[in-house]
Protein backbone atom coordinates (compact mmCIF):
# COMPACT_ATOMS: atom_id res chain seq x y z
CA MET A 1 0.00 0.00 0.00
CA ASN A 2 2.77 2.40 0.97
CA GLU A 3 4.72 1.56 -2.18
CA LYS A 4 1.63 2.24 -4.32
CA LEU A 5 1.06 5.52 -2.49
CA LYS A 6 4.65 6.57 -2.98
CA SER A 7 4.46 5.66 -6.67
CA SER A 8 1.20 7.62 -7.07
CA ASP A 9 2.63 10.65 -5.25
CA PHE A 10 5.76 10.51 -7.39
CA LEU A 11 3.66 10.39 -10.58
CA ARG A 12 1.53 13.36 -9.50
CA CYS A 13 4.65 15.29 -8.53
CA LYS A 14 6.24 14.57 -11.88
CA GLN A 15 3.07 15.59 -13.75
CA SER A 16 2.88 18.82 -11.74
CA LYS A 17 6.53 19.52 -12.45
CA GLU A 18 6.02 18.95 -16.16
CA ALA A 19 2.89 21.14 -16.16
CA PHE A 20 4.74 23.90 -14.30
CA LYS A 21 7.66 23.59 -16.70
CA GLY A 22 5.30 23.90 -19.67
CA MET A 23 3.52 26.89 -18.13
CA PHE A 24 6.86 28.56 -17.37
CA SER A 25 8.01 27.98 -20.98
CA LYS A 26 4.86 29.65 -22.31
CA PHE A 27 5.33 32.55 -19.87
CA GLU A 28 8.99 32.85 -20.87
CA LEU A 29 8.00 32.85 -24.57
CA LYS A 30 5.38 35.54 -23.94
CA ILE A 31 7.91 37.73 -22.08
CA THR A 32 10.43 37.23 -24.91
CA HIS A 33 7.86 38.40 -27.47
CA GLN A 34 7.01 41.42 -25.33
CA LEU A 35 10.68 42.34 -24.93
CA LYS A 36 11.21 41.99 -28.68
CA PHE A 37 8.24 44.30 -29.32
CA ILE A 38 9.47 46.87 -26.78
CA LEU A 39 12.97 46.76 -28.29
CA PHE A 40 11.57 47.14 -31.82
CA PHE A 41 9.37 50.09 -30.82
CA SER A 42 12.29 51.71 -28.94
CA LEU A 43 14.55 51.40 -31.96
CA LEU A 44 11.80 52.72 -34.21
CA SER A 45 11.18 55.68 -31.90
CA THR A 46 14.90 56.43 -31.61
CA SER A 47 15.22 56.33 -35.39
CA PHE A 48 12.30 58.76 -35.80
CA PHE A 49 13.35 61.11 -32.98
CA SER A 50 16.90 61.45 -34.36
CA GLN A 51 15.51 62.73 -37.66
CA LYS A 52 13.86 66.01 -38.62
CA PHE A 53 10.22 66.07 -39.70
CA SER A 54 7.70 68.69 -40.69
CA PHE A 55 4.00 68.00 -40.18
CA ILE A 56 1.68 70.29 -42.11
CA TYR A 57 -1.77 70.86 -40.64
CA GLU A 58 -4.81 72.57 -42.08
CA ALA A 59 -6.08 74.88 -39.35
CA LYS A 60 -9.66 76.15 -39.39
CA TYR A 61 -11.22 78.62 -36.96
CA ARG A 62 -14.36 80.68 -36.72
CA THR A 63 -13.86 84.43 -36.51
CA SER A 64 -17.22 85.11 -34.85
CA LYS A 65 -19.99 83.24 -33.06
CA GLU A 66 -22.50 85.55 -34.71
CA LYS A 67 -21.26 84.46 -38.16
CA PRO A 68 -20.77 80.69 -37.89
CA ASP A 69 -20.08 80.33 -41.60
CA ASN A 70 -17.16 82.76 -41.40
CA ILE A 71 -14.30 80.27 -41.22
CA ASN A 72 -10.64 81.06 -41.81
CA THR A 73 -8.34 78.37 -43.17
CA GLU A 74 -4.57 78.37 -43.21
CA ASN A 75 -1.70 75.91 -43.16
CA MET A 76 0.30 75.54 -39.95
CA ILE A 77 3.58 73.65 -39.62
CA LEU A 78 4.90 71.54 -36.76
CA ASP A 79 8.69 71.19 -37.12
CA PHE A 80 10.04 68.37 -34.97
CA GLU A 81 13.67 67.58 -34.16
CA ASN A 82 15.32 65.79 -31.22
CA ASN A 83 12.22 65.99 -28.98
CA THR A 84 11.84 69.72 -29.60
CA SER A 85 9.18 71.23 -31.83
CA ILE A 86 8.03 74.60 -33.14
CA PHE A 87 4.46 75.17 -34.31
CA ARG A 88 3.75 78.22 -36.48
CA ASP A 89 1.97 79.32 -39.63
CA SER A 90 3.62 78.59 -42.95
CA MET A 91 4.30 82.25 -43.81
CA SER A 92 6.19 82.86 -40.57
CA ARG A 93 8.17 79.65 -41.01
CA ASP A 94 9.10 80.48 -44.62
CA ALA A 95 10.26 83.92 -43.56
CA ASP A 96 12.27 82.37 -40.73
CA SER A 97 10.97 85.17 -38.55
CA LEU A 98 11.69 83.46 -35.24
CA LYS A 99 15.13 82.08 -34.51
CA LEU A 100 17.40 81.44 -31.57
CA ILE A 101 20.42 83.70 -31.99
CA ASN A 102 22.43 83.02 -28.84
CA LYS A 103 22.88 80.54 -26.00
CA ASN A 104 20.77 82.71 -23.69
CA GLY A 105 17.68 82.07 -25.79
CA GLY A 106 17.32 85.53 -27.34
CA TYR A 107 15.01 85.96 -30.32
CA ILE A 108 15.18 88.32 -33.26
CA MET A 109 12.07 90.36 -34.01
CA GLY A 110 9.32 88.41 -35.70
CA VAL A 111 6.43 89.14 -37.99
CA GLU A 112 3.84 91.38 -36.35
CA ASN A 113 0.86 89.79 -34.63
CA GLN A 114 2.10 86.24 -35.02
CA PHE A 115 2.42 83.46 -32.48
CA TYR A 116 4.64 80.43 -32.13
CA ILE A 117 4.46 77.42 -29.87
CA LYS A 118 7.76 75.88 -28.79
CA LYS A 119 7.74 72.53 -26.98
CA ASP A 120 10.48 70.70 -25.13
CA ILE A 121 8.92 67.24 -25.01
CA ILE A 122 11.46 65.63 -22.64
CA ASN A 123 11.25 68.38 -20.00
CA LYS A 124 7.52 68.92 -20.59
CA LYS A 125 8.06 72.63 -21.18
CA ILE A 126 5.76 74.62 -23.48
CA GLU A 127 6.13 78.27 -24.39
CA LYS A 128 3.99 80.55 -26.52
CA ILE A 129 5.91 83.36 -28.22
CA ILE A 130 3.81 86.27 -29.48
CA THR A 131 5.16 89.09 -31.62
CA TYR A 132 3.42 92.43 -31.25
CA LEU A 133 4.52 96.04 -31.77
CA LYS A 134 8.09 95.05 -32.64
CA ALA A 135 8.51 93.01 -29.48
CA ASN A 136 8.41 89.31 -28.61
CA TYR A 137 6.47 88.14 -25.56
CA LEU A 138 7.19 84.73 -24.09
CA ILE A 139 4.29 83.12 -22.23
CA PRO A 140 4.85 79.81 -20.39
CA ILE A 141 2.00 77.31 -20.78
CA ASP A 142 1.50 75.65 -17.42
CA GLU A 143 -1.96 74.11 -17.83
CA GLN A 144 -1.71 70.32 -17.68
CA LEU A 145 -3.28 68.10 -20.32
CA ASN A 146 -5.11 65.23 -18.64
CA TRP A 147 -5.87 62.99 -21.59
CA LYS A 148 -8.56 60.33 -21.56
CA ILE A 149 -7.80 57.68 -24.18
CA ILE A 150 -10.93 56.09 -25.68
CA PRO A 151 -10.98 52.55 -27.20
CA GLU A 152 -12.69 53.87 -30.37
CA GLN A 153 -10.53 53.64 -33.49
CA LYS A 154 -10.80 54.66 -37.13
CA THR A 155 -8.63 55.19 -40.20
CA ILE A 156 -7.79 58.78 -41.15
CA GLY A 157 -6.09 58.96 -44.52
CA LYS A 158 -3.61 56.08 -44.43
CA TYR A 159 -3.19 56.04 -40.66
CA LYS A 160 -4.96 53.88 -38.11
CA SER A 161 -5.89 56.24 -35.31
CA GLN A 162 -7.37 56.15 -31.82
CA LYS A 163 -9.61 58.63 -30.05
CA ALA A 164 -8.66 60.75 -27.03
CA GLU A 165 -10.36 63.55 -25.14
CA VAL A 166 -9.02 66.48 -23.13
CA SER A 167 -10.09 69.80 -21.65
CA TYR A 168 -7.95 72.86 -22.35
CA GLY A 169 -8.54 76.61 -22.36
CA GLY A 170 -12.13 76.26 -21.20
CA ARG A 171 -12.95 73.95 -24.12
CA ASN A 172 -13.38 70.23 -24.58
CA TRP A 173 -11.33 68.71 -27.40
CA ILE A 174 -11.53 65.45 -29.32
CA ALA A 175 -8.28 64.19 -30.79
CA TRP A 176 -7.23 61.30 -32.98
CA PHE A 177 -3.66 60.05 -32.71
CA THR A 178 -1.66 57.34 -34.47
CA ILE A 179 1.18 55.18 -33.14
CA GLU A 180 2.29 54.71 -36.76
CA LEU A 181 3.97 58.11 -36.32
CA PRO A 182 5.64 57.62 -32.90
CA PHE A 183 5.88 61.26 -31.88
CA ASN A 184 4.02 62.23 -28.69
CA ASP A 185 3.36 65.69 -30.11
CA GLY A 186 0.69 67.50 -32.07
CA PRO A 187 -0.55 70.88 -33.29
CA TYR A 188 -0.74 74.00 -31.12
CA ILE A 189 0.01 73.15 -27.46
CA PHE A 190 -1.33 69.60 -27.70
CA ASN A 191 1.05 66.74 -26.90
CA GLY A 192 1.52 63.78 -24.56
CA LEU A 193 -0.31 60.97 -26.38
CA PRO A 194 1.37 57.69 -27.43
CA GLY A 195 1.58 58.89 -31.05
CA LEU A 196 1.26 61.96 -33.25
CA ILE A 197 -2.06 63.82 -33.10
CA ILE A 198 -3.30 63.84 -36.68
CA SER A 199 -6.68 65.48 -36.01
CA ILE A 200 -8.10 67.54 -33.16
CA GLU A 201 -11.20 69.73 -32.85
CA ASP A 202 -13.08 71.40 -30.02
CA THR A 203 -16.62 70.19 -29.37
CA GLU A 204 -18.05 73.59 -30.36
CA HIS A 205 -16.44 73.20 -33.80
CA ASP A 206 -14.74 76.58 -33.50
CA TYR A 207 -11.20 75.29 -33.98
CA SER A 208 -9.75 72.29 -35.79
CA PHE A 209 -6.34 71.02 -36.89
CA ASN A 210 -5.98 68.21 -39.42
CA LEU A 211 -2.75 66.68 -40.69
CA ILE A 212 -2.46 66.98 -44.48
CA GLN A 213 1.23 66.24 -45.18
CA VAL A 214 4.38 64.78 -43.63
CA LYS A 215 7.85 65.84 -44.80
CA LYS A 216 11.32 64.72 -43.77
CA ARG A 217 13.51 67.80 -43.38
CA GLN A 218 17.22 68.60 -43.52
CA GLN A 219 17.22 71.07 -40.64
CA LEU A 220 14.88 72.76 -38.20
CA VAL A 221 14.68 76.53 -38.64
């Protein structure tokens, strides 16, 4: 009886050991796949971040609540390089009207009544630079963006995108971002999502930004 019991216990122990070994192998395989994915995404991100890109957005905004059909449209450009970006209208960018000229961060005079958004993604620092009456005014943007990522997805152009919501400046905004462009940036002050924001609009439909072109650049000006 004891011999049979010992034999039975040994068999169960062996089966449990084999089952545990098989479970551990599956777990190890799963971890290996995850590590490979993380490594691939890290290499992809590093490759993108070390390059210079320009993202052209079509910006639309209403000039008056009383005239809802009065909508202005212009192209805005987000220049991205080494986790730093500048967002401005295409005319200001072409004129190179805003440029760092010394190590202390001084700026030359810009085009009148223009604004620029400069972001330091790593240090989470955002500044709005406004030119007015031959002077530049630097305004730090301190309001935090508390994004809510929604499971809803759709394809915009050629990019698979996911929905996100945020409140900023007294407005509620709906954004669509894509991890196919692994930049956690976007138009205007918007940033901080797992991929580039390719479309964003406030719920009152007063302002919208939609990506229309992506360019690889030689240098950021």
